[in-house]
Amino acid sequence: AWLAEGEGFRCLAAVVQGTTQSLYEFRRERGDRVAL
């Protein structure tokens, strides 16, 4: 929560089902902070 709300991270959960996007569809923008 601190990373997402306070530090602007895109927190990305690796999941096998549910409401998700395919890895083929994922795009990271230049400068993005990402927490996998």
Full PDB file with SEQRES, HELIX, SHEET, SSBOND, CRYST1, ORIGX, SCALE, CONECT and MASTER records, all heavy atoms in Angstrom:
SEQRES   1 A   36  ALA TRP LEU ALA GLU GLY GLU GLY PHE ARG CYS LEU ALA          
SEQRES   2 A   36  ALA VAL VAL GLN GLY THR THR GLN SER LEU TYR GLU PHE          
SEQRES   3 A   36  ARG ARG GLU ARG GLY ASP ARG VAL ALA LEU                      
HELIX    1 AA1 TRP A    2  GLY A    6  3                                   5    
SHEET    1 AA1 2 ARG A  10  CYS A  11  0                                        
SHEET    2 AA1 2 VAL A  34  ALA A  35  1                                        
CRYST1    1.000    1.000    1.000  90.00  90.00  90.00 P 1           1          
ORIGX1      1.000000  0.000000  0.000000        0.00000                         
ORIGX2      0.000000  1.000000  0.000000        0.00000                         
ORIGX3      0.000000  0.000000  1.000000        0.00000                         
SCALE1      1.000000  0.000000  0.000000        0.00000                         
SCALE2      0.000000  1.000000  0.000000        0.00000                         
SCALE3      0.000000  0.000000  1.000000        0.00000                         
ATOM      1  N   ALA A   1       0.842  -1.206   0.000  1.00  0.00           N  
ATOM      2  CA  ALA A   1       0.000   0.000   0.000  1.00  0.00           C  
ATOM      3  C   ALA A   1       0.873   1.249   0.000  1.00  0.00           C  
ATOM      4  O   ALA A   1       0.600   2.226  -0.712  1.00  0.00           O  
ATOM      5  CB  ALA A   1      -0.931  -0.016   1.213  1.00  0.00           C  
ATOM      6  N   TRP A   2       1.939   1.233   0.792  1.00  0.00           N  
ATOM      7  CA  TRP A   2       2.866   2.376   0.860  1.00  0.00           C  
ATOM      8  C   TRP A   2       3.561   2.591  -0.478  1.00  0.00           C  
ATOM      9  O   TRP A   2       3.685   3.725  -0.954  1.00  0.00           O  
ATOM     10  CB  TRP A   2       3.885   2.126   1.964  1.00  0.00           C  
ATOM     11  CG  TRP A   2       4.966   3.159   2.047  1.00  0.00           C  
ATOM     12  CD1 TRP A   2       4.848   4.454   2.493  1.00  0.00           C  
ATOM     13  CD2 TRP A   2       6.339   2.984   1.666  1.00  0.00           C  
ATOM     14  NE1 TRP A   2       6.071   5.088   2.415  1.00  0.00           N  
ATOM     15  CE2 TRP A   2       7.000   4.217   1.913  1.00  0.00           C  
ATOM     16  CE3 TRP A   2       7.072   1.917   1.156  1.00  0.00           C  
ATOM     17  CZ2 TRP A   2       8.357   4.396   1.654  1.00  0.00           C  
ATOM     18  CZ3 TRP A   2       8.427   2.089   0.907  1.00  0.00           C  
ATOM     19  CH2 TRP A   2       9.051   3.323   1.152  1.00  0.00           C  
ATOM     20  N   LEU A   3       4.001   1.512  -1.113  1.00  0.00           N  
ATOM     21  CA  LEU A   3       4.652   1.630  -2.409  1.00  0.00           C  
ATOM     22  C   LEU A   3       3.694   2.178  -3.463  1.00  0.00           C  
ATOM     23  O   LEU A   3       4.062   3.057  -4.259  1.00  0.00           O  
ATOM     24  CB  LEU A   3       5.187   0.262  -2.867  1.00  0.00           C  
ATOM     25  CG  LEU A   3       6.413  -0.276  -2.122  1.00  0.00           C  
ATOM     26  CD1 LEU A   3       6.676  -1.729  -2.517  1.00  0.00           C  
ATOM     27  CD2 LEU A   3       7.652   0.575  -2.393  1.00  0.00           C  
ATOM     28  N   ALA A   4       2.463   1.674  -3.460  1.00  0.00           N  
ATOM     29  CA  ALA A   4       1.496   2.075  -4.484  1.00  0.00           C  
ATOM     30  C   ALA A   4       1.004   3.501  -4.266  1.00  0.00           C  
ATOM     31  O   ALA A   4       0.987   4.323  -5.194  1.00  0.00           O  
ATOM     32  CB  ALA A   4       0.322   1.104  -4.498  1.00  0.00           C  
ATOM     33  N   GLU A   5       0.603   3.816  -3.036  1.00  0.00           N  
ATOM     34  CA  GLU A   5      -0.038   5.099  -2.764  1.00  0.00           C  
ATOM     35  C   GLU A   5       0.959   6.208  -2.455  1.00  0.00           C  
ATOM     36  O   GLU A   5       0.743   7.370  -2.810  1.00  0.00           O  
ATOM     37  CB  GLU A   5      -1.021   4.937  -1.598  1.00  0.00           C  
ATOM     38  CG  GLU A   5      -2.154   3.949  -1.912  1.00  0.00           C  
ATOM     39  CD  GLU A   5      -2.886   3.481  -0.677  1.00  0.00           C  
ATOM     40  OE1 GLU A   5      -2.743   4.144   0.391  1.00  0.00           O  
ATOM     41  OE2 GLU A   5      -3.577   2.442  -0.751  1.00  0.00           O  
ATOM     42  N   GLY A   6       2.059   5.845  -1.808  1.00  0.00           N  
ATOM     43  CA  GLY A   6       3.017   6.866  -1.412  1.00  0.00           C  
ATOM     44  C   GLY A   6       4.169   7.062  -2.366  1.00  0.00           C  
ATOM     45  O   GLY A   6       4.725   8.164  -2.459  1.00  0.00           O  
ATOM     46  N   GLU A   7       4.523   6.001  -3.096  1.00  0.00           N  
ATOM     47  CA  GLU A   7       5.710   6.076  -3.951  1.00  0.00           C  
ATOM     48  C   GLU A   7       5.405   5.878  -5.427  1.00  0.00           C  
ATOM     49  O   GLU A   7       6.324   5.854  -6.248  1.00  0.00           O  
ATOM     50  CB  GLU A   7       6.743   5.038  -3.484  1.00  0.00           C  
ATOM     51  CG  GLU A   7       7.247   5.262  -2.066  1.00  0.00           C  
ATOM     52  CD  GLU A   7       7.983   6.596  -1.920  1.00  0.00           C  
ATOM     53  OE1 GLU A   7       8.637   7.024  -2.900  1.00  0.00           O  
ATOM     54  OE2 GLU A   7       7.909   7.200  -0.834  1.00  0.00           O  
ATOM     55  N   GLY A   8       4.142   5.741  -5.770  1.00  0.00           N  
ATOM     56  CA  GLY A   8       3.746   5.683  -7.178  1.00  0.00           C  
ATOM     57  C   GLY A   8       4.132   4.419  -7.914  1.00  0.00           C  
ATOM     58  O   GLY A   8       4.310   4.435  -9.139  1.00  0.00           O  
ATOM     59  N   PHE A   9       4.246   3.296  -7.211  1.00  0.00           N  
ATOM     60  CA  PHE A   9       4.582   2.034  -7.863  1.00  0.00           C  
ATOM     61  C   PHE A   9       3.365   1.422  -8.554  1.00  0.00           C  
ATOM     62  O   PHE A   9       2.232   1.533  -8.073  1.00  0.00           O  
ATOM     63  CB  PHE A   9       5.106   1.022  -6.835  1.00  0.00           C  
ATOM     64  CG  PHE A   9       6.587   1.076  -6.628  1.00  0.00           C  
ATOM     65  CD1 PHE A   9       7.156   2.080  -5.863  1.00  0.00           C  
ATOM     66  CD2 PHE A   9       7.421   0.133  -7.197  1.00  0.00           C  
ATOM     67  CE1 PHE A   9       8.522   2.139  -5.659  1.00  0.00           C  
ATOM     68  CE2 PHE A   9       8.792   0.173  -7.008  1.00  0.00           C  
ATOM     69  CZ  PHE A   9       9.348   1.176  -6.241  1.00  0.00           C  
ATOM     70  N   ARG A  10       3.613   0.760  -9.671  1.00  0.00           N  
ATOM     71  CA  ARG A  10       2.636  -0.146 -10.257  1.00  0.00           C  
ATOM     72  C   ARG A  10       2.873  -1.503  -9.603  1.00  0.00           C  
ATOM     73  O   ARG A  10       3.858  -2.175  -9.901  1.00  0.00           O  
ATOM     74  CB  ARG A  10       2.819  -0.263 -11.774  1.00  0.00           C  
ATOM     75  CG  ARG A  10       2.519   0.998 -12.536  1.00  0.00           C  
ATOM     76  CD  ARG A  10       2.830   0.827 -14.018  1.00  0.00           C  
ATOM     77  NE  ARG A  10       1.925  -0.112 -14.694  1.00  0.00           N  
ATOM     78  CZ  ARG A  10       1.978  -0.405 -15.989  1.00  0.00           C  
ATOM     79  NH1 ARG A  10       2.921   0.150 -16.752  1.00  0.00           N  
ATOM     80  NH2 ARG A  10       1.132  -1.248 -16.525  1.00  0.00           N  
ATOM     81  N   CYS A  11       2.010  -1.874  -8.677  1.00  0.00           N  
ATOM     82  CA  CYS A  11       2.148  -3.161  -7.996  1.00  0.00           C  
ATOM     83  C   CYS A  11       1.442  -4.216  -8.829  1.00  0.00           C  
ATOM     84  O   CYS A  11       0.249  -4.132  -9.089  1.00  0.00           O  
ATOM     85  CB  CYS A  11       1.570  -3.087  -6.586  1.00  0.00           C  
ATOM     86  SG  CYS A  11       2.520  -2.004  -5.487  1.00  0.00           S  
ATOM     87  N   LEU A  12       2.194  -5.200  -9.244  1.00  0.00           N  
ATOM     88  CA  LEU A  12       1.752  -6.164 -10.240  1.00  0.00           C  
ATOM     89  C   LEU A  12       1.765  -7.551  -9.610  1.00  0.00           C  
ATOM     90  O   LEU A  12       2.812  -8.047  -9.205  1.00  0.00           O  
ATOM     91  CB  LEU A  12       2.710  -6.112 -11.435  1.00  0.00           C  
ATOM     92  CG  LEU A  12       2.400  -6.908 -12.673  1.00  0.00           C  
ATOM     93  CD1 LEU A  12       1.186  -6.331 -13.387  1.00  0.00           C  
ATOM     94  CD2 LEU A  12       3.604  -6.902 -13.605  1.00  0.00           C  
ATOM     95  N   ALA A  13       0.583  -8.181  -9.515  1.00  0.00           N  
ATOM     96  CA  ALA A  13       0.482  -9.513  -8.928  1.00  0.00           C  
ATOM     97  C   ALA A  13       0.537 -10.570 -10.017  1.00  0.00           C  
ATOM     98  O   ALA A  13      -0.187 -10.489 -11.008  1.00  0.00           O  
ATOM     99  CB  ALA A  13      -0.819  -9.642  -8.141  1.00  0.00           C  
ATOM    100  N   ALA A  14       1.405 -11.557  -9.850  1.00  0.00           N  
ATOM    101  CA  ALA A  14       1.453 -12.684 -10.774  1.00  0.00           C  
ATOM    102  C   ALA A  14       0.364 -13.676 -10.365  1.00  0.00           C  
ATOM    103  O   ALA A  14       0.399 -14.221  -9.260  1.00  0.00           O  
ATOM    104  CB  ALA A  14       2.823 -13.346 -10.717  1.00  0.00           C  
ATOM    105  N   VAL A  15      -0.602 -13.873 -11.208  1.00  0.00           N  
ATOM    106  CA  VAL A  15      -1.750 -14.735 -10.891  1.00  0.00           C  
ATOM    107  C   VAL A  15      -2.011 -15.682 -12.054  1.00  0.00           C  
ATOM    108  O   VAL A  15      -1.533 -15.480 -13.169  1.00  0.00           O  
ATOM    109  CB  VAL A  15      -3.008 -13.893 -10.586  1.00  0.00           C  
ATOM    110  CG1 VAL A  15      -2.826 -13.098  -9.306  1.00  0.00           C  
ATOM    111  CG2 VAL A  15      -3.324 -12.957 -11.732  1.00  0.00           C  
ATOM    112  N   VAL A  16      -2.814 -16.714 -11.789  1.00  0.00           N  
ATOM    113  CA  VAL A  16      -3.097 -17.695 -12.828  1.00  0.00           C  
ATOM    114  C   VAL A  16      -4.515 -17.601 -13.361  1.00  0.00           C  
ATOM    115  O   VAL A  16      -4.854 -18.225 -14.358  1.00  0.00           O  
ATOM    116  CB  VAL A  16      -2.832 -19.139 -12.335  1.00  0.00           C  
ATOM    117  CG1 VAL A  16      -1.366 -19.321 -12.014  1.00  0.00           C  
ATOM    118  CG2 VAL A  16      -3.681 -19.489 -11.122  1.00  0.00           C  
ATOM    119  N   GLN A  17      -5.363 -16.829 -12.683  1.00  0.00           N  
ATOM    120  CA  GLN A  17      -6.744 -16.713 -13.136  1.00  0.00           C  
ATOM    121  C   GLN A  17      -7.359 -15.452 -12.542  1.00  0.00           C  
ATOM    122  O   GLN A  17      -6.736 -14.722 -11.795  1.00  0.00           O  
ATOM    123  CB  GLN A  17      -7.550 -17.943 -12.709  1.00  0.00           C  
ATOM    124  CG  GLN A  17      -7.559 -18.157 -11.198  1.00  0.00           C  
ATOM    125  CD  GLN A  17      -8.209 -19.468 -10.808  1.00  0.00           C  
ATOM    126  OE1 GLN A  17      -8.685 -20.204 -11.655  1.00  0.00           O  
ATOM    127  NE2 GLN A  17      -8.238 -19.761  -9.526  1.00  0.00           N  
ATOM    128  N   GLY A  18      -8.621 -15.201 -12.916  1.00  0.00           N  
ATOM    129  CA  GLY A  18      -9.314 -14.010 -12.416  1.00  0.00           C  
ATOM    130  C   GLY A  18      -9.214 -12.867 -13.406  1.00  0.00           C  
ATOM    131  O   GLY A  18      -8.914 -13.049 -14.581  1.00  0.00           O  
ATOM    132  N   THR A  19      -9.483 -11.658 -12.931  1.00  0.00           N  
ATOM    133  CA  THR A  19      -9.456 -10.473 -13.788  1.00  0.00           C  
ATOM    134  C   THR A  19      -8.011 -10.016 -13.937  1.00  0.00           C  
ATOM    135  O   THR A  19      -7.478  -9.309 -13.097  1.00  0.00           O  
ATOM    136  CB  THR A  19     -10.316  -9.348 -13.174  1.00  0.00           C  
ATOM    137  OG1 THR A  19     -11.617  -9.865 -12.935  1.00  0.00           O  
ATOM    138  CG2 THR A  19     -10.411  -8.179 -14.130  1.00  0.00           C  
ATOM    139  N   THR A  20      -7.398 -10.438 -15.009  1.00  0.00           N  
ATOM    140  CA  THR A  20      -5.988 -10.135 -15.228  1.00  0.00           C  
ATOM    141  C   THR A  20      -5.768  -9.783 -16.684  1.00  0.00           C  
ATOM    142  O   THR A  20      -6.652  -9.913 -17.524  1.00  0.00           O  
ATOM    143  CB  THR A  20      -5.107 -11.350 -14.905  1.00  0.00           C  
ATOM    144  OG1 THR A  20      -5.427 -12.397 -15.828  1.00  0.00           O  
ATOM    145  CG2 THR A  20      -5.319 -11.849 -13.493  1.00  0.00           C  
ATOM    146  N   GLN A  21      -4.561  -9.342 -16.956  1.00  0.00           N  
ATOM    147  CA  GLN A  21      -4.153  -9.140 -18.340  1.00  0.00           C  
ATOM    148  C   GLN A  21      -3.086 -10.170 -18.682  1.00  0.00           C  
ATOM    149  O   GLN A  21      -2.331 -10.630 -17.822  1.00  0.00           O  
ATOM    150  CB  GLN A  21      -3.590  -7.734 -18.538  1.00  0.00           C  
ATOM    151  CG  GLN A  21      -2.373  -7.416 -17.687  1.00  0.00           C  
ATOM    152  CD  GLN A  21      -1.955  -5.968 -17.775  1.00  0.00           C  
ATOM    153  OE1 GLN A  21      -1.895  -5.400 -18.846  1.00  0.00           O  
ATOM    154  NE2 GLN A  21      -1.671  -5.367 -16.616  1.00  0.00           N  
ATOM    155  N   SER A  22      -3.057 -10.548 -19.948  1.00  0.00           N  
ATOM    156  CA  SER A  22      -2.016 -11.455 -20.408  1.00  0.00           C  
ATOM    157  C   SER A  22      -0.681 -10.724 -20.412  1.00  0.00           C  
ATOM    158  O   SER A  22      -0.612  -9.508 -20.619  1.00  0.00           O  
ATOM    159  CB  SER A  22      -2.348 -11.936 -21.820  1.00  0.00           C  
ATOM    160  OG  SER A  22      -1.211 -12.492 -22.443  1.00  0.00           O  
ATOM    161  N   LEU A  23       0.379 -11.467 -20.185  1.00  0.00           N  
ATOM    162  CA  LEU A  23       1.715 -10.879 -20.267  1.00  0.00           C  
ATOM    163  C   LEU A  23       1.948 -10.278 -21.650  1.00  0.00           C  
ATOM    164  O   LEU A  23       2.679  -9.299 -21.785  1.00  0.00           O  
ATOM    165  CB  LEU A  23       2.773 -11.945 -19.951  1.00  0.00           C  
ATOM    166  CG  LEU A  23       4.232 -11.498 -19.918  1.00  0.00           C  
ATOM    167  CD1 LEU A  23       4.450 -10.411 -18.868  1.00  0.00           C  
ATOM    168  CD2 LEU A  23       5.152 -12.689 -19.640  1.00  0.00           C  
ATOM    169  N   TYR A  24       1.312 -10.849 -22.676  1.00  0.00           N  
ATOM    170  CA  TYR A  24       1.441 -10.311 -24.024  1.00  0.00           C  
ATOM    171  C   TYR A  24       0.891  -8.888 -24.121  1.00  0.00           C  
ATOM    172  O   TYR A  24       1.317  -8.093 -24.948  1.00  0.00           O  
ATOM    173  CB  TYR A  24       0.706 -11.186 -25.033  1.00  0.00           C  
ATOM    174  CG  TYR A  24       1.260 -12.579 -25.205  1.00  0.00           C  
ATOM    175  CD1 TYR A  24       0.451 -13.619 -25.638  1.00  0.00           C  
ATOM    176  CD2 TYR A  24       2.605 -12.866 -24.922  1.00  0.00           C  
ATOM    177  CE1 TYR A  24       0.949 -14.904 -25.807  1.00  0.00           C  
ATOM    178  CE2 TYR A  24       3.109 -14.140 -25.081  1.00  0.00           C  
ATOM    179  CZ  TYR A  24       2.273 -15.167 -25.517  1.00  0.00           C  
ATOM    180  OH  TYR A  24       2.764 -16.435 -25.686  1.00  0.00           O  
ATOM    181  N   GLU A  25      -0.075  -8.571 -23.261  1.00  0.00           N  
ATOM    182  CA  GLU A  25      -0.734  -7.260 -23.320  1.00  0.00           C  
ATOM    183  C   GLU A  25      -0.061  -6.215 -22.432  1.00  0.00           C  
ATOM    184  O   GLU A  25      -0.301  -5.021 -22.583  1.00  0.00           O  
ATOM    185  CB  GLU A  25      -2.202  -7.398 -22.877  1.00  0.00           C  
ATOM    186  CG  GLU A  25      -3.012  -8.366 -23.720  1.00  0.00           C  
ATOM    187  CD  GLU A  25      -4.325  -8.745 -23.078  1.00  0.00           C  
ATOM    188  OE1 GLU A  25      -4.470  -8.580 -21.846  1.00  0.00           O  
ATOM    189  OE2 GLU A  25      -5.214  -9.215 -23.811  1.00  0.00           O  
ATOM    190  N   PHE A  26       0.758  -6.655 -21.496  1.00  0.00           N  
ATOM    191  CA  PHE A  26       1.341  -5.732 -20.523  1.00  0.00           C  
ATOM    192  C   PHE A  26       2.363  -4.809 -21.186  1.00  0.00           C  
ATOM    193  O   PHE A  26       3.182  -5.248 -21.994  1.00  0.00           O  
ATOM    194  CB  PHE A  26       2.024  -6.514 -19.396  1.00  0.00           C  
ATOM    195  CG  PHE A  26       2.699  -5.627 -18.390  1.00  0.00           C  
ATOM    196  CD1 PHE A  26       1.966  -5.024 -17.391  1.00  0.00           C  
ATOM    197  CD2 PHE A  26       4.062  -5.383 -18.466  1.00  0.00           C  
ATOM    198  CE1 PHE A  26       2.589  -4.189 -16.468  1.00  0.00           C  
ATOM    199  CE2 PHE A  26       4.684  -4.561 -17.553  1.00  0.00           C  
ATOM    200  CZ  PHE A  26       3.950  -3.961 -16.551  1.00  0.00           C  
ATOM    201  N   ARG A  27       2.304  -3.551 -20.852  1.00  0.00           N  
ATOM    202  CA  ARG A  27       3.277  -2.583 -21.340  1.00  0.00           C  
ATOM    203  C   ARG A  27       3.783  -1.746 -20.165  1.00  0.00           C  
ATOM    204  O   ARG A  27       2.997  -1.221 -19.377  1.00  0.00           O  
ATOM    205  CB  ARG A  27       2.672  -1.662 -22.405  1.00  0.00           C  
ATOM    206  CG  ARG A  27       2.388  -2.356 -23.736  1.00  0.00           C  
ATOM    207  CD  ARG A  27       3.687  -2.777 -24.424  1.00  0.00           C  
ATOM    208  NE  ARG A  27       3.444  -3.471 -25.669  1.00  0.00           N  
ATOM    209  CZ  ARG A  27       3.323  -4.793 -25.796  1.00  0.00           C  
ATOM    210  NH1 ARG A  27       3.386  -5.556 -24.718  1.00  0.00           N  
ATOM    211  NH2 ARG A  27       3.103  -5.345 -26.971  1.00  0.00           N  
ATOM    212  N   ARG A  28       5.083  -1.635 -20.090  1.00  0.00           N  
ATOM    213  CA  ARG A  28       5.696  -0.798 -19.065  1.00  0.00           C  
ATOM    214  C   ARG A  28       6.165   0.489 -19.707  1.00  0.00           C  
ATOM    215  O   ARG A  28       6.878   0.465 -20.711  1.00  0.00           O  
ATOM    216  CB  ARG A  28       6.882  -1.533 -18.436  1.00  0.00           C  
ATOM    217  CG  ARG A  28       7.601  -0.725 -17.361  1.00  0.00           C  
ATOM    218  CD  ARG A  28       8.692  -1.547 -16.707  1.00  0.00           C  
ATOM    219  NE  ARG A  28       9.282  -0.834 -15.585  1.00  0.00           N  
ATOM    220  CZ  ARG A  28      10.145  -1.374 -14.725  1.00  0.00           C  
ATOM    221  NH1 ARG A  28      10.517  -2.646 -14.880  1.00  0.00           N  
ATOM    222  NH2 ARG A  28      10.622  -0.658 -13.722  1.00  0.00           N  
ATOM    223  N   GLU A  29       5.773   1.596 -19.129  1.00  0.00           N  
ATOM    224  CA  GLU A  29       6.185   2.895 -19.653  1.00  0.00           C  
ATOM    225  C   GLU A  29       7.557   3.264 -19.094  1.00  0.00           C  
ATOM    226  O   GLU A  29       7.938   2.854 -17.998  1.00  0.00           O  
ATOM    227  CB  GLU A  29       5.163   3.971 -19.270  1.00  0.00           C  
ATOM    228  CG  GLU A  29       3.754   3.698 -19.776  1.00  0.00           C  
ATOM    229  CD  GLU A  29       3.683   3.613 -21.289  1.00  0.00           C  
ATOM    230  OE1 GLU A  29       4.460   4.337 -21.967  1.00  0.00           O  
ATOM    231  OE2 GLU A  29       2.879   2.824 -21.803  1.00  0.00           O  
ATOM    232  N   ARG A  30       8.289   4.038 -19.860  1.00  0.00           N  
ATOM    233  CA  ARG A  30       9.622   4.457 -19.439  1.00  0.00           C  
ATOM    234  C   ARG A  30       9.551   5.188 -18.084  1.00  0.00           C  
ATOM    235  O   ARG A  30       8.723   6.078 -17.884  1.00  0.00           O  
ATOM    236  CB  ARG A  30      10.231   5.375 -20.495  1.00  0.00           C  
ATOM    237  CG  ARG A  30      11.718   5.672 -20.271  1.00  0.00           C  
ATOM    238  CD  ARG A  30      12.241   6.610 -21.358  1.00  0.00           C  
ATOM    239  NE  ARG A  30      12.083   6.025 -22.672  1.00  0.00           N  
ATOM    240  CZ  ARG A  30      12.942   5.167 -23.222  1.00  0.00           C  
ATOM    241  NH1 ARG A  30      14.023   4.805 -22.547  1.00  0.00           N  
ATOM    242  NH2 ARG A  30      12.727   4.679 -24.421  1.00  0.00           N  
ATOM    243  N   GLY A  31      10.401   4.806 -17.152  1.00  0.00           N  
ATOM    244  CA  GLY A  31      10.440   5.448 -15.834  1.00  0.00           C  
ATOM    245  C   GLY A  31       9.484   4.850 -14.822  1.00  0.00           C  
ATOM    246  O   GLY A  31       9.516   5.228 -13.648  1.00  0.00           O  
ATOM    247  N   ASP A  32       8.606   3.931 -15.243  1.00  0.00           N  
ATOM    248  CA  ASP A  32       7.677   3.298 -14.303  1.00  0.00           C  
ATOM    249  C   ASP A  32       8.423   2.602 -13.173  1.00  0.00           C  
ATOM    250  O   ASP A  32       9.420   1.907 -13.403  1.00  0.00           O  
ATOM    251  CB  ASP A  32       6.825   2.236 -15.016  1.00  0.00           C  
ATOM    252  CG  ASP A  32       5.591   2.811 -15.685  1.00  0.00           C  
ATOM    253  OD1 ASP A  32       5.330   4.010 -15.508  1.00  0.00           O  
ATOM    254  OD2 ASP A  32       4.897   2.044 -16.383  1.00  0.00           O  
ATOM    255  N   ARG A  33       7.910   2.782 -11.955  1.00  0.00           N  
ATOM    256  CA  ARG A  33       8.362   1.971 -10.833  1.00  0.00           C  
ATOM    257  C   ARG A  33       7.421   0.777 -10.734  1.00  0.00           C  
ATOM    258  O   ARG A  33       6.205   0.948 -10.634  1.00  0.00           O  
ATOM    259  CB  ARG A  33       8.323   2.776  -9.538  1.00  0.00           C  
ATOM    260  CG  ARG A  33       9.268   3.966  -9.524  1.00  0.00           C  
ATOM    261  CD  ARG A  33       9.066   4.778  -8.268  1.00  0.00           C  
ATOM    262  NE  ARG A  33       9.974   5.914  -8.224  1.00  0.00           N  
ATOM    263  CZ  ARG A  33       9.961   6.834  -7.261  1.00  0.00           C  
ATOM    264  NH1 ARG A  33       9.087   6.747  -6.271  1.00  0.00           N  
ATOM    265  NH2 ARG A  33      10.819   7.837  -7.284  1.00  0.00           N  
ATOM    266  N   VAL A  34       7.970  -0.421 -10.741  1.00  0.00           N  
ATOM    267  CA  VAL A  34       7.152  -1.628 -10.743  1.00  0.00           C  
ATOM    268  C   VAL A  34       7.566  -2.530  -9.581  1.00  0.00           C  
ATOM    269  O   VAL A  34       8.757  -2.739  -9.337  1.00  0.00           O  
ATOM    270  CB  VAL A  34       7.285  -2.395 -12.080  1.00  0.00           C  
ATOM    271  CG1 VAL A  34       6.572  -3.742 -12.012  1.00  0.00           C  
ATOM    272  CG2 VAL A  34       6.718  -1.563 -13.226  1.00  0.00           C  
ATOM    273  N   ALA A  35       6.573  -3.055  -8.872  1.00  0.00           N  
ATOM    274  CA  ALA A  35       6.793  -4.064  -7.834  1.00  0.00           C  
ATOM    275  C   ALA A  35       6.067  -5.331  -8.264  1.00  0.00           C  
ATOM    276  O   ALA A  35       4.834  -5.336  -8.359  1.00  0.00           O  
ATOM    277  CB  ALA A  35       6.280  -3.580  -6.480  1.00  0.00           C  
ATOM    278  N   LEU A  36       6.822  -6.371  -8.560  1.00  0.00           N  
ATOM    279  CA  LEU A  36       6.251  -7.649  -8.974  1.00  0.00           C  
ATOM    280  C   LEU A  36       6.070  -8.519  -7.732  1.00  0.00           C  
ATOM    281  O   LEU A  36       7.025  -8.805  -7.013  1.00  0.00           O  
ATOM    282  CB  LEU A  36       7.189  -8.339  -9.970  1.00  0.00           C  
ATOM    283  CG  LEU A  36       6.809  -9.770 -10.372  1.00  0.00           C  
ATOM    284  CD1 LEU A  36       5.483  -9.791 -11.120  1.00  0.00           C  
ATOM    285  CD2 LEU A  36       7.917 -10.399 -11.213  1.00  0.00           C  
TER     286      LEU A  36                                                      
MASTER        0    0    0    1    2    0    0    6  285    1    0    3          
END                                                                             
